[in-house]
Amino acid sequence: MELESLKYVWHTLEGKPAGRHGSEQEIITLLHKRSKGPVAKMRRNLLGELVLIIMTYIPAILFYLLDFGGRLSGIAWLFFLLMLLFAGYYYRKDKLLREMQCVSCQVRSNLERQVRTLKKYTRFYTLTGTLMIPVMTILSYLIIRWKYPTPSGSSLYYRISGIPWWQSPLFWISLLALLTIGIYYINVWYVNKLYGRHIQKLQELLQEMEGE
């Protein structure tokens, strides 16, 4: 297990006399070969997420860019911008996880700081993954209404005759609010499954080391 390996490296490097670089290098080499630890799993999950985002967003971008005579290209650029933001997030998170695998660094201080940063990343990801639903929906709606405005005279007709309940703005706002709340809890479960459990393992490792 990576946790036990980190613990062993920690105590070995702290109690090892200066000059015994051979045994240190053997420990580092051994640990780098391990691929079932929490950090390695998080890196694989992160790569899978990035591939999924690319495979999902690129067809959506091409659809809005090429269809509708290019009139809804603004939505395509929204998806492109969102994909770039996610790609930047994944890059920074992967960089942090790579640093966490550097067992030759100052393990104790670095690991504590990196775990705190990783928790901030996951909270940010949960929040933005939730907020992007209402934001993208509202912006897409505004772009569609801008490119395909309501025919003149129809607004007066609807105000006189009334509109069906399913066309009421209040209905769609309520539905969007319920959807956002549901997406939030799904994101909490999803992020915990991919990262939260592994972060908890790292925190347990730190607590064990603090108690020794």
N, C-alpha and C. Protein backbone atom coordinates (compact mmCIF):
# COMPACT_ATOMS: atom_id res chain seq x y z
N MET A 1 0.83 -1.20 0.00
CA MET A 1 0.00 0.00 0.00
C MET A 1 0.87 1.25 0.00
N GLU A 2 0.43 2.28 -0.71
CA GLU A 2 1.20 3.52 -0.80
C GLU A 2 1.29 4.21 0.54
N LEU A 3 0.25 4.11 1.37
CA LEU A 3 0.27 4.76 2.67
C LEU A 3 1.36 4.17 3.55
N GLU A 4 1.43 2.83 3.58
CA GLU A 4 2.46 2.20 4.39
C GLU A 4 3.85 2.51 3.85
N SER A 5 3.96 2.60 2.52
CA SER A 5 5.25 2.93 1.92
C SER A 5 5.69 4.33 2.30
N LEU A 6 4.75 5.30 2.23
CA LEU A 6 5.07 6.67 2.60
C LEU A 6 5.48 6.75 4.06
N LYS A 7 4.76 5.99 4.89
CA LYS A 7 5.08 6.00 6.31
C LYS A 7 6.48 5.45 6.55
N TYR A 8 6.81 4.38 5.85
CA TYR A 8 8.13 3.77 5.98
C TYR A 8 9.23 4.73 5.50
N VAL A 9 8.97 5.37 4.36
CA VAL A 9 9.95 6.32 3.82
C VAL A 9 10.15 7.47 4.77
N TRP A 10 9.05 7.98 5.31
CA TRP A 10 9.11 9.11 6.25
C TRP A 10 10.07 8.82 7.40
N HIS A 11 9.81 7.72 8.08
CA HIS A 11 10.62 7.40 9.25
C HIS A 11 12.04 7.03 8.87
N THR A 12 12.20 6.38 7.71
CA THR A 12 13.54 5.98 7.28
C THR A 12 14.40 7.18 6.96
N LEU A 13 13.82 8.14 6.22
CA LEU A 13 14.60 9.31 5.82
C LEU A 13 14.88 10.23 6.99
N GLU A 14 13.94 10.31 7.96
CA GLU A 14 14.15 11.19 9.10
C GLU A 14 15.21 10.62 10.05
N GLY A 15 15.28 9.27 10.15
CA GLY A 15 16.21 8.67 11.09
C GLY A 15 17.48 8.17 10.46
N LYS A 16 17.67 8.36 9.15
CA LYS A 16 18.82 7.82 8.44
C LYS A 16 20.01 8.75 8.57
N PRO A 17 21.19 8.23 8.87
CA PRO A 17 22.38 9.06 8.90
C PRO A 17 22.70 9.61 7.52
N ALA A 18 23.36 10.78 7.50
CA ALA A 18 23.71 11.42 6.24
C ALA A 18 24.68 10.55 5.48
N GLY A 19 24.53 10.52 4.17
CA GLY A 19 25.46 9.80 3.32
C GLY A 19 24.92 8.47 2.83
N ARG A 20 23.83 7.96 3.39
CA ARG A 20 23.29 6.67 2.97
C ARG A 20 22.29 6.89 1.84
N HIS A 21 22.78 7.42 0.73
CA HIS A 21 21.90 7.77 -0.38
C HIS A 21 21.43 6.54 -1.14
N GLY A 22 22.18 5.45 -1.04
CA GLY A 22 21.80 4.26 -1.77
C GLY A 22 20.49 3.70 -1.30
N SER A 23 20.34 3.54 0.02
CA SER A 23 19.08 3.00 0.54
C SER A 23 17.93 3.95 0.28
N GLU A 24 18.19 5.26 0.35
CA GLU A 24 17.12 6.24 0.05
C GLU A 24 16.65 6.10 -1.38
N GLN A 25 17.60 5.94 -2.30
CA GLN A 25 17.23 5.83 -3.70
C GLN A 25 16.45 4.53 -3.95
N GLU A 26 16.80 3.46 -3.26
CA GLU A 26 16.07 2.21 -3.40
C GLU A 26 14.63 2.36 -2.95
N ILE A 27 14.42 3.10 -1.84
CA ILE A 27 13.06 3.31 -1.34
C ILE A 27 12.25 4.13 -2.33
N ILE A 28 12.87 5.19 -2.87
CA ILE A 28 12.17 6.05 -3.82
C ILE A 28 11.81 5.27 -5.08
N THR A 29 12.76 4.47 -5.57
CA THR A 29 12.51 3.66 -6.76
C THR A 29 11.38 2.67 -6.53
N LEU A 30 11.38 2.03 -5.35
CA LEU A 30 10.34 1.07 -5.00
C LEU A 30 8.98 1.73 -4.96
N LEU A 31 8.90 2.92 -4.35
CA LEU A 31 7.63 3.60 -4.20
C LEU A 31 7.09 4.09 -5.53
N HIS A 32 7.97 4.51 -6.43
CA HIS A 32 7.52 5.00 -7.73
C HIS A 32 6.93 3.89 -8.58
N LYS A 33 7.23 2.65 -8.27
CA LYS A 33 6.69 1.54 -9.04
C LYS A 33 5.26 1.22 -8.63
N ARG A 34 4.82 1.70 -7.49
CA ARG A 34 3.49 1.37 -6.99
C ARG A 34 2.44 2.18 -7.73
N SER A 35 1.34 1.52 -8.09
CA SER A 35 0.30 2.18 -8.89
C SER A 35 -1.09 2.01 -8.29
N LYS A 36 -1.19 1.45 -7.08
CA LYS A 36 -2.50 1.21 -6.49
C LYS A 36 -2.76 2.10 -5.29
N GLY A 37 -1.90 3.06 -5.03
CA GLY A 37 -2.09 3.96 -3.92
C GLY A 37 -3.10 5.04 -4.23
N PRO A 38 -3.50 5.82 -3.22
CA PRO A 38 -4.53 6.86 -3.41
C PRO A 38 -4.13 7.94 -4.41
N VAL A 39 -2.88 8.37 -4.39
CA VAL A 39 -2.46 9.42 -5.32
C VAL A 39 -2.49 8.91 -6.75
N ALA A 40 -1.99 7.72 -6.98
CA ALA A 40 -1.99 7.14 -8.33
C ALA A 40 -3.43 6.96 -8.82
N LYS A 41 -4.33 6.53 -7.95
CA LYS A 41 -5.72 6.36 -8.35
C LYS A 41 -6.36 7.69 -8.71
N MET A 42 -6.06 8.73 -7.93
CA MET A 42 -6.61 10.05 -8.24
C MET A 42 -6.10 10.57 -9.57
N ARG A 43 -4.84 10.29 -9.89
CA ARG A 43 -4.30 10.74 -11.19
C ARG A 43 -4.99 10.01 -12.34
N ARG A 44 -5.27 8.72 -12.17
CA ARG A 44 -5.98 7.99 -13.22
C ARG A 44 -7.42 8.49 -13.36
N ASN A 45 -8.07 8.76 -12.23
CA ASN A 45 -9.43 9.31 -12.29
C ASN A 45 -9.44 10.66 -12.97
N LEU A 46 -8.43 11.47 -12.70
CA LEU A 46 -8.33 12.80 -13.30
C LEU A 46 -8.17 12.70 -14.80
N LEU A 47 -7.32 11.78 -15.25
CA LEU A 47 -7.13 11.59 -16.69
C LEU A 47 -8.42 11.12 -17.34
N GLY A 48 -9.12 10.21 -16.68
CA GLY A 48 -10.40 9.74 -17.22
C GLY A 48 -11.41 10.86 -17.34
N GLU A 49 -11.45 11.75 -16.35
CA GLU A 49 -12.36 12.89 -16.40
C GLU A 49 -12.03 13.81 -17.57
N LEU A 50 -10.73 14.07 -17.78
CA LEU A 50 -10.31 14.95 -18.86
C LEU A 50 -10.70 14.36 -20.22
N VAL A 51 -10.49 13.08 -20.40
CA VAL A 51 -10.87 12.42 -21.66
C VAL A 51 -12.38 12.51 -21.86
N LEU A 52 -13.15 12.29 -20.79
CA LEU A 52 -14.61 12.36 -20.89
C LEU A 52 -15.07 13.76 -21.26
N ILE A 53 -14.45 14.79 -20.66
CA ILE A 53 -14.81 16.18 -20.98
C ILE A 53 -14.54 16.48 -22.45
N ILE A 54 -13.38 16.06 -22.94
CA ILE A 54 -13.02 16.32 -24.34
C ILE A 54 -13.99 15.61 -25.28
N MET A 55 -14.28 14.34 -24.99
CA MET A 55 -15.17 13.56 -25.86
C MET A 55 -16.61 14.09 -25.82
N THR A 56 -17.00 14.73 -24.73
CA THR A 56 -18.36 15.26 -24.62
C THR A 56 -18.48 16.66 -25.21
N TYR A 57 -17.50 17.50 -24.92
CA TYR A 57 -17.61 18.91 -25.30
C TYR A 57 -17.31 19.15 -26.78
N ILE A 58 -16.37 18.42 -27.36
CA ILE A 58 -16.01 18.66 -28.76
C ILE A 58 -17.20 18.42 -29.69
N PRO A 59 -17.97 17.31 -29.56
CA PRO A 59 -19.16 17.18 -30.41
C PRO A 59 -20.17 18.31 -30.20
N ALA A 60 -20.36 18.75 -28.93
CA ALA A 60 -21.29 19.85 -28.67
C ALA A 60 -20.80 21.14 -29.33
N ILE A 61 -19.49 21.38 -29.25
CA ILE A 61 -18.92 22.58 -29.88
C ILE A 61 -19.13 22.55 -31.38
N LEU A 62 -18.84 21.41 -32.01
CA LEU A 62 -19.01 21.29 -33.46
C LEU A 62 -20.47 21.41 -33.87
N PHE A 63 -21.37 20.88 -33.04
CA PHE A 63 -22.80 20.95 -33.35
C PHE A 63 -23.29 22.39 -33.42
N TYR A 64 -23.01 23.16 -32.38
CA TYR A 64 -23.47 24.55 -32.35
C TYR A 64 -22.67 25.45 -33.28
N LEU A 65 -21.45 25.04 -33.61
CA LEU A 65 -20.64 25.86 -34.50
C LEU A 65 -21.04 25.70 -35.96
N LEU A 66 -21.40 24.48 -36.35
CA LEU A 66 -21.66 24.19 -37.75
C LEU A 66 -23.14 24.15 -38.10
N ASP A 67 -23.98 23.81 -37.12
CA ASP A 67 -25.42 23.73 -37.40
C ASP A 67 -26.08 25.10 -37.21
N PHE A 68 -27.35 25.18 -37.54
CA PHE A 68 -28.14 26.42 -37.41
C PHE A 68 -27.53 27.58 -38.22
N GLY A 69 -26.80 27.23 -39.27
CA GLY A 69 -26.20 28.27 -40.09
C GLY A 69 -25.17 29.11 -39.36
N GLY A 70 -24.63 28.56 -38.28
CA GLY A 70 -23.63 29.29 -37.49
C GLY A 70 -24.20 30.36 -36.60
N ARG A 71 -25.52 30.45 -36.50
CA ARG A 71 -26.14 31.51 -35.71
C ARG A 71 -25.99 31.28 -34.21
N LEU A 72 -25.78 30.02 -33.81
CA LEU A 72 -25.61 29.71 -32.39
C LEU A 72 -24.15 29.39 -32.06
N SER A 73 -23.25 29.98 -32.81
CA SER A 73 -21.82 29.75 -32.55
C SER A 73 -21.40 30.30 -31.19
N GLY A 74 -22.19 31.26 -30.65
CA GLY A 74 -21.88 31.78 -29.32
C GLY A 74 -21.94 30.69 -28.26
N ILE A 75 -22.89 29.75 -28.41
CA ILE A 75 -22.98 28.64 -27.46
C ILE A 75 -21.77 27.74 -27.61
N ALA A 76 -21.32 27.55 -28.86
CA ALA A 76 -20.12 26.74 -29.09
C ALA A 76 -18.91 27.35 -28.39
N TRP A 77 -18.79 28.68 -28.45
CA TRP A 77 -17.66 29.33 -27.79
C TRP A 77 -17.79 29.25 -26.27
N LEU A 78 -19.02 29.21 -25.75
CA LEU A 78 -19.21 29.01 -24.31
C LEU A 78 -18.68 27.64 -23.88
N PHE A 79 -19.03 26.61 -24.66
CA PHE A 79 -18.54 25.27 -24.36
C PHE A 79 -17.03 25.19 -24.49
N PHE A 80 -16.48 25.87 -25.49
CA PHE A 80 -15.03 25.87 -25.69
C PHE A 80 -14.33 26.53 -24.51
N LEU A 81 -14.86 27.66 -24.05
CA LEU A 81 -14.28 28.35 -22.90
C LEU A 81 -14.35 27.47 -21.65
N LEU A 82 -15.50 26.82 -21.47
CA LEU A 82 -15.67 25.95 -20.31
C LEU A 82 -14.70 24.77 -20.37
N MET A 83 -14.49 24.22 -21.55
CA MET A 83 -13.54 23.12 -21.71
C MET A 83 -12.13 23.57 -21.38
N LEU A 84 -11.76 24.79 -21.78
CA LEU A 84 -10.44 25.31 -21.45
C LEU A 84 -10.27 25.50 -19.95
N LEU A 85 -11.33 25.98 -19.29
CA LEU A 85 -11.27 26.16 -17.83
C LEU A 85 -11.08 24.83 -17.12
N PHE A 86 -11.82 23.81 -17.56
CA PHE A 86 -11.67 22.49 -16.97
C PHE A 86 -10.27 21.92 -17.25
N ALA A 87 -9.78 22.14 -18.47
CA ALA A 87 -8.44 21.63 -18.82
C ALA A 87 -7.38 22.29 -17.93
N GLY A 88 -7.51 23.60 -17.68
CA GLY A 88 -6.58 24.29 -16.79
C GLY A 88 -6.66 23.75 -15.37
N TYR A 89 -7.88 23.47 -14.92
CA TYR A 89 -8.06 22.90 -13.58
C TYR A 89 -7.41 21.52 -13.49
N TYR A 90 -7.63 20.68 -14.50
CA TYR A 90 -7.06 19.34 -14.48
C TYR A 90 -5.52 19.40 -14.51
N TYR A 91 -4.99 20.35 -15.27
CA TYR A 91 -3.53 20.48 -15.34
C TYR A 91 -2.94 20.83 -13.98
N ARG A 92 -3.53 21.80 -13.30
CA ARG A 92 -3.02 22.22 -11.99
C ARG A 92 -3.19 21.11 -10.96
N LYS A 93 -4.30 20.40 -11.04
CA LYS A 93 -4.52 19.32 -10.09
C LYS A 93 -3.56 18.16 -10.34
N ASP A 94 -3.32 17.84 -11.60
CA ASP A 94 -2.38 16.77 -11.91
C ASP A 94 -0.96 17.16 -11.50
N LYS A 95 -0.62 18.43 -11.66
CA LYS A 95 0.69 18.91 -11.21
C LYS A 95 0.84 18.73 -9.71
N LEU A 96 -0.21 19.04 -8.95
CA LEU A 96 -0.18 18.87 -7.51
C LEU A 96 -0.02 17.39 -7.15
N LEU A 97 -0.76 16.52 -7.83
CA LEU A 97 -0.67 15.09 -7.53
C LEU A 97 0.71 14.53 -7.87
N ARG A 98 1.32 15.03 -8.94
CA ARG A 98 2.68 14.59 -9.26
C ARG A 98 3.66 15.00 -8.16
N GLU A 99 3.47 16.21 -7.65
CA GLU A 99 4.33 16.67 -6.56
C GLU A 99 4.14 15.82 -5.30
N MET A 100 2.91 15.35 -5.09
CA MET A 100 2.65 14.51 -3.92
C MET A 100 3.32 13.15 -4.03
N GLN A 101 3.67 12.74 -5.25
CA GLN A 101 4.36 11.48 -5.44
C GLN A 101 5.88 11.63 -5.30
N CYS A 102 6.34 12.84 -5.07
CA CYS A 102 7.77 13.08 -4.90
C CYS A 102 8.17 12.76 -3.46
N VAL A 103 8.53 11.51 -3.20
CA VAL A 103 8.85 11.10 -1.84
C VAL A 103 10.23 11.56 -1.40
N SER A 104 11.03 12.08 -2.33
CA SER A 104 12.35 12.57 -1.96
C SER A 104 12.30 14.01 -1.46
N CYS A 105 11.10 14.65 -1.55
CA CYS A 105 10.96 16.03 -1.08
C CYS A 105 10.79 16.03 0.44
N GLN A 106 10.55 17.21 1.02
CA GLN A 106 10.31 17.31 2.45
C GLN A 106 8.91 16.75 2.72
N VAL A 107 8.86 15.46 3.04
CA VAL A 107 7.60 14.72 3.03
C VAL A 107 6.56 15.31 3.96
N ARG A 108 6.92 15.53 5.21
CA ARG A 108 5.92 15.90 6.20
C ARG A 108 5.27 17.25 5.89
N SER A 109 6.08 18.29 5.74
CA SER A 109 5.51 19.61 5.51
C SER A 109 4.81 19.69 4.17
N ASN A 110 5.39 19.07 3.14
CA ASN A 110 4.79 19.12 1.81
C ASN A 110 3.46 18.38 1.77
N LEU A 111 3.42 17.20 2.35
CA LEU A 111 2.21 16.39 2.28
C LEU A 111 1.04 17.08 2.99
N GLU A 112 1.28 17.68 4.13
CA GLU A 112 0.22 18.39 4.84
C GLU A 112 -0.30 19.56 4.02
N ARG A 113 0.60 20.33 3.43
CA ARG A 113 0.19 21.48 2.62
C ARG A 113 -0.53 21.02 1.36
N GLN A 114 -0.03 19.97 0.73
CA GLN A 114 -0.62 19.50 -0.52
C GLN A 114 -2.00 18.90 -0.31
N VAL A 115 -2.21 18.22 0.80
CA VAL A 115 -3.53 17.66 1.08
C VAL A 115 -4.54 18.80 1.28
N ARG A 116 -4.13 19.86 1.97
CA ARG A 116 -5.03 21.01 2.15
C ARG A 116 -5.37 21.65 0.81
N THR A 117 -4.37 21.79 -0.05
CA THR A 117 -4.61 22.36 -1.38
C THR A 117 -5.51 21.46 -2.20
N LEU A 118 -5.32 20.15 -2.10
CA LEU A 118 -6.14 19.21 -2.85
C LEU A 118 -7.60 19.29 -2.41
N LYS A 119 -7.83 19.46 -1.11
CA LYS A 119 -9.20 19.61 -0.62
C LYS A 119 -9.84 20.88 -1.17
N LYS A 120 -9.06 21.96 -1.27
CA LYS A 120 -9.58 23.19 -1.85
C LYS A 120 -9.95 22.99 -3.31
N TYR A 121 -9.12 22.25 -4.05
CA TYR A 121 -9.40 21.96 -5.45
C TYR A 121 -10.71 21.19 -5.59
N THR A 122 -10.93 20.18 -4.75
CA THR A 122 -12.14 19.38 -4.86
C THR A 122 -13.38 20.19 -4.50
N ARG A 123 -13.27 21.08 -3.49
CA ARG A 123 -14.42 21.94 -3.15
C ARG A 123 -14.72 22.88 -4.30
N PHE A 124 -13.67 23.45 -4.90
CA PHE A 124 -13.86 24.34 -6.04
C PHE A 124 -14.51 23.60 -7.21
N TYR A 125 -14.09 22.37 -7.44
CA TYR A 125 -14.63 21.57 -8.53
C TYR A 125 -16.10 21.25 -8.30
N THR A 126 -16.45 20.93 -7.05
CA THR A 126 -17.85 20.65 -6.73
C THR A 126 -18.72 21.89 -6.95
N LEU A 127 -18.23 23.04 -6.52
CA LEU A 127 -19.00 24.28 -6.65
C LEU A 127 -19.16 24.69 -8.10
N THR A 128 -18.06 24.72 -8.85
CA THR A 128 -18.14 25.14 -10.25
C THR A 128 -18.92 24.14 -11.10
N GLY A 129 -18.77 22.84 -10.79
CA GLY A 129 -19.53 21.83 -11.52
C GLY A 129 -21.02 21.97 -11.30
N THR A 130 -21.41 22.55 -10.18
CA THR A 130 -22.83 22.78 -9.90
C THR A 130 -23.31 24.09 -10.54
N LEU A 131 -22.53 25.15 -10.37
CA LEU A 131 -22.95 26.47 -10.87
C LEU A 131 -22.95 26.56 -12.39
N MET A 132 -22.15 25.71 -13.05
CA MET A 132 -22.09 25.80 -14.51
C MET A 132 -23.42 25.41 -15.15
N ILE A 133 -24.25 24.62 -14.44
CA ILE A 133 -25.54 24.22 -15.00
C ILE A 133 -26.46 25.42 -15.18
N PRO A 134 -26.77 26.20 -14.12
CA PRO A 134 -27.65 27.36 -14.34
C PRO A 134 -26.99 28.44 -15.19
N VAL A 135 -25.68 28.63 -15.04
CA VAL A 135 -25.00 29.68 -15.81
C VAL A 135 -25.05 29.36 -17.30
N MET A 136 -24.69 28.14 -17.69
CA MET A 136 -24.71 27.75 -19.10
C MET A 136 -26.13 27.76 -19.65
N THR A 137 -27.09 27.35 -18.84
CA THR A 137 -28.49 27.34 -19.30
C THR A 137 -28.98 28.76 -19.59
N ILE A 138 -28.72 29.67 -18.65
CA ILE A 138 -29.18 31.05 -18.82
C ILE A 138 -28.48 31.73 -19.99
N LEU A 139 -27.16 31.56 -20.09
CA LEU A 139 -26.42 32.18 -21.20
C LEU A 139 -26.85 31.61 -22.54
N SER A 140 -27.08 30.29 -22.60
CA SER A 140 -27.54 29.68 -23.85
C SER A 140 -28.92 30.20 -24.22
N TYR A 141 -29.79 30.35 -23.23
CA TYR A 141 -31.12 30.88 -23.49
C TYR A 141 -31.05 32.30 -24.04
N LEU A 142 -30.19 33.13 -23.45
CA LEU A 142 -30.06 34.51 -23.92
C LEU A 142 -29.52 34.58 -25.34
N ILE A 143 -28.57 33.69 -25.66
CA ILE A 143 -28.02 33.67 -27.02
C ILE A 143 -29.10 33.24 -28.02
N ILE A 144 -29.87 32.21 -27.65
CA ILE A 144 -30.94 31.75 -28.55
C ILE A 144 -31.99 32.83 -28.77
N ARG A 145 -32.39 33.51 -27.70
CA ARG A 145 -33.38 34.58 -27.84
C ARG A 145 -32.83 35.76 -28.63
N TRP A 146 -31.52 35.98 -28.53
CA TRP A 146 -30.90 37.07 -29.28
C TRP A 146 -30.86 36.74 -30.77
N LYS A 147 -30.52 35.49 -31.09
CA LYS A 147 -30.42 35.10 -32.50
C LYS A 147 -31.78 34.77 -33.10
N TYR A 148 -32.71 34.29 -32.27
CA TYR A 148 -34.06 33.94 -32.74
C TYR A 148 -35.09 34.69 -31.88
N PRO A 149 -35.23 35.98 -32.09
CA PRO A 149 -36.15 36.78 -31.25
C PRO A 149 -37.60 36.38 -31.48
N THR A 150 -38.43 36.67 -30.49
CA THR A 150 -39.87 36.41 -30.59
C THR A 150 -40.47 37.29 -31.68
N PRO A 151 -41.28 36.74 -32.57
CA PRO A 151 -41.89 37.55 -33.62
C PRO A 151 -42.67 38.73 -33.03
N SER A 152 -42.63 39.85 -33.73
CA SER A 152 -43.32 41.04 -33.25
C SER A 152 -44.82 40.79 -33.20
N GLY A 153 -45.44 41.27 -32.13
CA GLY A 153 -46.88 41.10 -31.96
C GLY A 153 -47.26 39.91 -31.13
N SER A 154 -46.37 38.89 -31.06
CA SER A 154 -46.72 37.68 -30.33
C SER A 154 -46.74 37.93 -28.82
N SER A 155 -45.88 38.84 -28.35
CA SER A 155 -45.86 39.11 -26.91
C SER A 155 -47.19 39.67 -26.44
N LEU A 156 -47.75 40.59 -27.22
CA LEU A 156 -49.04 41.16 -26.86
C LEU A 156 -50.12 40.08 -26.86
N TYR A 157 -50.06 39.18 -27.83
CA TYR A 157 -51.04 38.10 -27.90
C TYR A 157 -50.97 37.22 -26.65
N TYR A 158 -49.76 36.87 -26.26
CA TYR A 158 -49.61 36.00 -25.09
C TYR A 158 -50.04 36.71 -23.81
N ARG A 159 -49.79 38.00 -23.74
CA ARG A 159 -50.20 38.73 -22.54
C ARG A 159 -51.72 38.77 -22.43
N ILE A 160 -52.42 38.82 -23.57
CA ILE A 160 -53.88 38.88 -23.56
C ILE A 160 -54.47 37.50 -23.30
N SER A 161 -53.96 36.48 -24.02
CA SER A 161 -54.57 35.16 -23.95
C SER A 161 -54.00 34.29 -22.85
N GLY A 162 -52.85 34.68 -22.32
CA GLY A 162 -52.20 33.83 -21.32
C GLY A 162 -51.37 32.75 -21.99
N ILE A 163 -50.40 32.22 -21.26
CA ILE A 163 -49.53 31.20 -21.82
C ILE A 163 -49.70 29.90 -21.04
N PRO A 164 -49.44 28.76 -21.68
CA PRO A 164 -49.52 27.48 -20.96
C PRO A 164 -48.57 27.46 -19.77
N TRP A 165 -48.91 26.66 -18.75
CA TRP A 165 -48.12 26.63 -17.53
C TRP A 165 -46.69 26.20 -17.79
N TRP A 166 -46.50 25.30 -18.79
CA TRP A 166 -45.15 24.80 -19.05
C TRP A 166 -44.28 25.82 -19.79
N GLN A 167 -44.88 26.92 -20.26
CA GLN A 167 -44.10 27.99 -20.88
C GLN A 167 -43.86 29.15 -19.93
N SER A 168 -44.34 29.04 -18.71
CA SER A 168 -44.17 30.12 -17.75
C SER A 168 -42.71 30.22 -17.30
N PRO A 169 -42.13 31.43 -17.28
CA PRO A 169 -40.75 31.58 -16.79
C PRO A 169 -40.57 31.07 -15.37
N LEU A 170 -41.60 31.23 -14.53
CA LEU A 170 -41.50 30.76 -13.15
C LEU A 170 -41.34 29.25 -13.10
N PHE A 171 -42.03 28.55 -14.00
CA PHE A 171 -41.91 27.08 -14.04
C PHE A 171 -40.48 26.67 -14.38
N TRP A 172 -39.89 27.30 -15.38
CA TRP A 172 -38.55 26.92 -15.82
C TRP A 172 -37.49 27.34 -14.80
N ILE A 173 -37.71 28.47 -14.13
CA ILE A 173 -36.78 28.89 -13.08
C ILE A 173 -36.81 27.90 -11.92
N SER A 174 -38.02 27.47 -11.54
CA SER A 174 -38.15 26.49 -10.46
C SER A 174 -37.52 25.16 -10.85
N LEU A 175 -37.75 24.75 -12.10
CA LEU A 175 -37.17 23.50 -12.57
C LEU A 175 -35.64 23.57 -12.59
N LEU A 176 -35.11 24.72 -13.00
CA LEU A 176 -33.65 24.89 -13.03
C LEU A 176 -33.07 24.89 -11.63
N ALA A 177 -33.78 25.49 -10.68
CA ALA A 177 -33.31 25.50 -9.29
C ALA A 177 -33.28 24.09 -8.72
N LEU A 178 -34.33 23.30 -8.98
CA LEU A 178 -34.37 21.92 -8.50
C LEU A 178 -33.27 21.09 -9.15
N LEU A 179 -33.06 21.31 -10.45
CA LEU A 179 -32.00 20.59 -11.16
C LEU A 179 -30.63 20.93 -10.59
N THR A 180 -30.40 22.20 -10.28
CA THR A 180 -29.12 22.62 -9.73
C THR A 180 -28.86 21.97 -8.37
N ILE A 181 -29.90 21.92 -7.53
CA ILE A 181 -29.75 21.28 -6.22
C ILE A 181 -29.43 19.79 -6.38
N GLY A 182 -30.15 19.14 -7.31
CA GLY A 182 -29.88 17.73 -7.56
C GLY A 182 -28.48 17.49 -8.08
N ILE A 183 -28.02 18.36 -9.00
CA ILE A 183 -26.66 18.23 -9.54
C ILE A 183 -25.62 18.43 -8.44
N TYR A 184 -25.91 19.31 -7.49
CA TYR A 184 -24.96 19.54 -6.40
C TYR A 184 -24.72 18.25 -5.61
N TYR A 185 -25.79 17.57 -5.23
CA TYR A 185 -25.63 16.34 -4.44
C TYR A 185 -24.99 15.23 -5.28
N ILE A 186 -25.28 15.20 -6.57
CA ILE A 186 -24.61 14.24 -7.44
C ILE A 186 -23.11 14.53 -7.51
N ASN A 187 -22.76 15.81 -7.61
CA ASN A 187 -21.35 16.20 -7.66
C ASN A 187 -20.63 15.85 -6.36
N VAL A 188 -21.31 16.06 -5.23
CA VAL A 188 -20.71 15.71 -3.94
C VAL A 188 -20.39 14.22 -3.90
N TRP A 189 -21.35 13.39 -4.32
CA TRP A 189 -21.11 11.93 -4.35
C TRP A 189 -20.01 11.57 -5.34
N TYR A 190 -20.04 12.20 -6.52
CA TYR A 190 -19.09 11.90 -7.59
C TYR A 190 -17.67 12.28 -7.18
N VAL A 191 -17.49 13.48 -6.64
CA VAL A 191 -16.16 13.93 -6.24
C VAL A 191 -15.64 13.10 -5.07
N ASN A 192 -16.52 12.73 -4.16
CA ASN A 192 -16.09 11.90 -3.04
C ASN A 192 -15.65 10.52 -3.52
N LYS A 193 -16.33 9.98 -4.51
CA LYS A 193 -15.99 8.66 -5.04
C LYS A 193 -14.63 8.68 -5.74
N LEU A 194 -14.36 9.76 -6.49
CA LEU A 194 -13.12 9.83 -7.26
C LEU A 194 -11.94 10.32 -6.43
N TYR A 195 -12.19 11.25 -5.48
CA TYR A 195 -11.09 11.89 -4.77
C TYR A 195 -11.25 11.89 -3.25
N GLY A 196 -12.47 12.08 -2.76
CA GLY A 196 -12.67 12.25 -1.33
C GLY A 196 -12.15 11.09 -0.50
N ARG A 197 -12.42 9.86 -0.93
CA ARG A 197 -11.98 8.69 -0.18
C ARG A 197 -10.47 8.62 -0.10
N HIS A 198 -9.81 8.96 -1.21
CA HIS A 198 -8.35 8.89 -1.24
C HIS A 198 -7.72 10.01 -0.40
N ILE A 199 -8.36 11.19 -0.42
CA ILE A 199 -7.87 12.28 0.43
C ILE A 199 -8.01 11.90 1.89
N GLN A 200 -9.11 11.22 2.22
CA GLN A 200 -9.31 10.76 3.60
C GLN A 200 -8.22 9.80 4.02
N LYS A 201 -7.79 8.93 3.12
CA LYS A 201 -6.70 8.00 3.44
C LYS A 201 -5.41 8.76 3.73
N LEU A 202 -5.14 9.79 2.94
CA LEU A 202 -3.94 10.59 3.17
C LEU A 202 -4.03 11.32 4.50
N GLN A 203 -5.21 11.82 4.84
CA GLN A 203 -5.38 12.49 6.14
C GLN A 203 -5.19 11.51 7.30
N GLU A 204 -5.66 10.30 7.13
CA GLU A 204 -5.45 9.29 8.17
C GLU A 204 -3.97 8.99 8.34
N LEU A 205 -3.23 8.98 7.24
CA LEU A 205 -1.79 8.77 7.31
C LEU A 205 -1.13 9.89 8.11
N LEU A 206 -1.53 11.13 7.84
CA LEU A 206 -0.96 12.26 8.56
C LEU A 206 -1.28 12.18 10.04
N GLN A 207 -2.50 11.79 10.38
CA GLN A 207 -2.88 11.67 11.79
C GLN A 207 -2.08 10.58 12.49
N GLU A 208 -1.83 9.46 11.80
CA GLU A 208 -1.03 8.40 12.38
C GLU A 208 0.39 8.87 12.65
N MET A 209 0.93 9.63 11.71
CA MET A 209 2.30 10.10 11.87
C MET A 209 2.41 11.16 12.96
N GLU A 210 1.36 11.96 13.10
CA GLU A 210 1.37 12.97 14.17
C GLU A 210 1.35 12.30 15.54
N GLY A 211 0.70 11.12 15.62
CA GLY A 211 0.59 10.45 16.90
C GLY A 211 1.81 9.63 17.29
N GLU A 212 2.79 9.55 16.37
CA GLU A 212 3.98 8.74 16.67
C GLU A 212 5.18 9.62 16.98
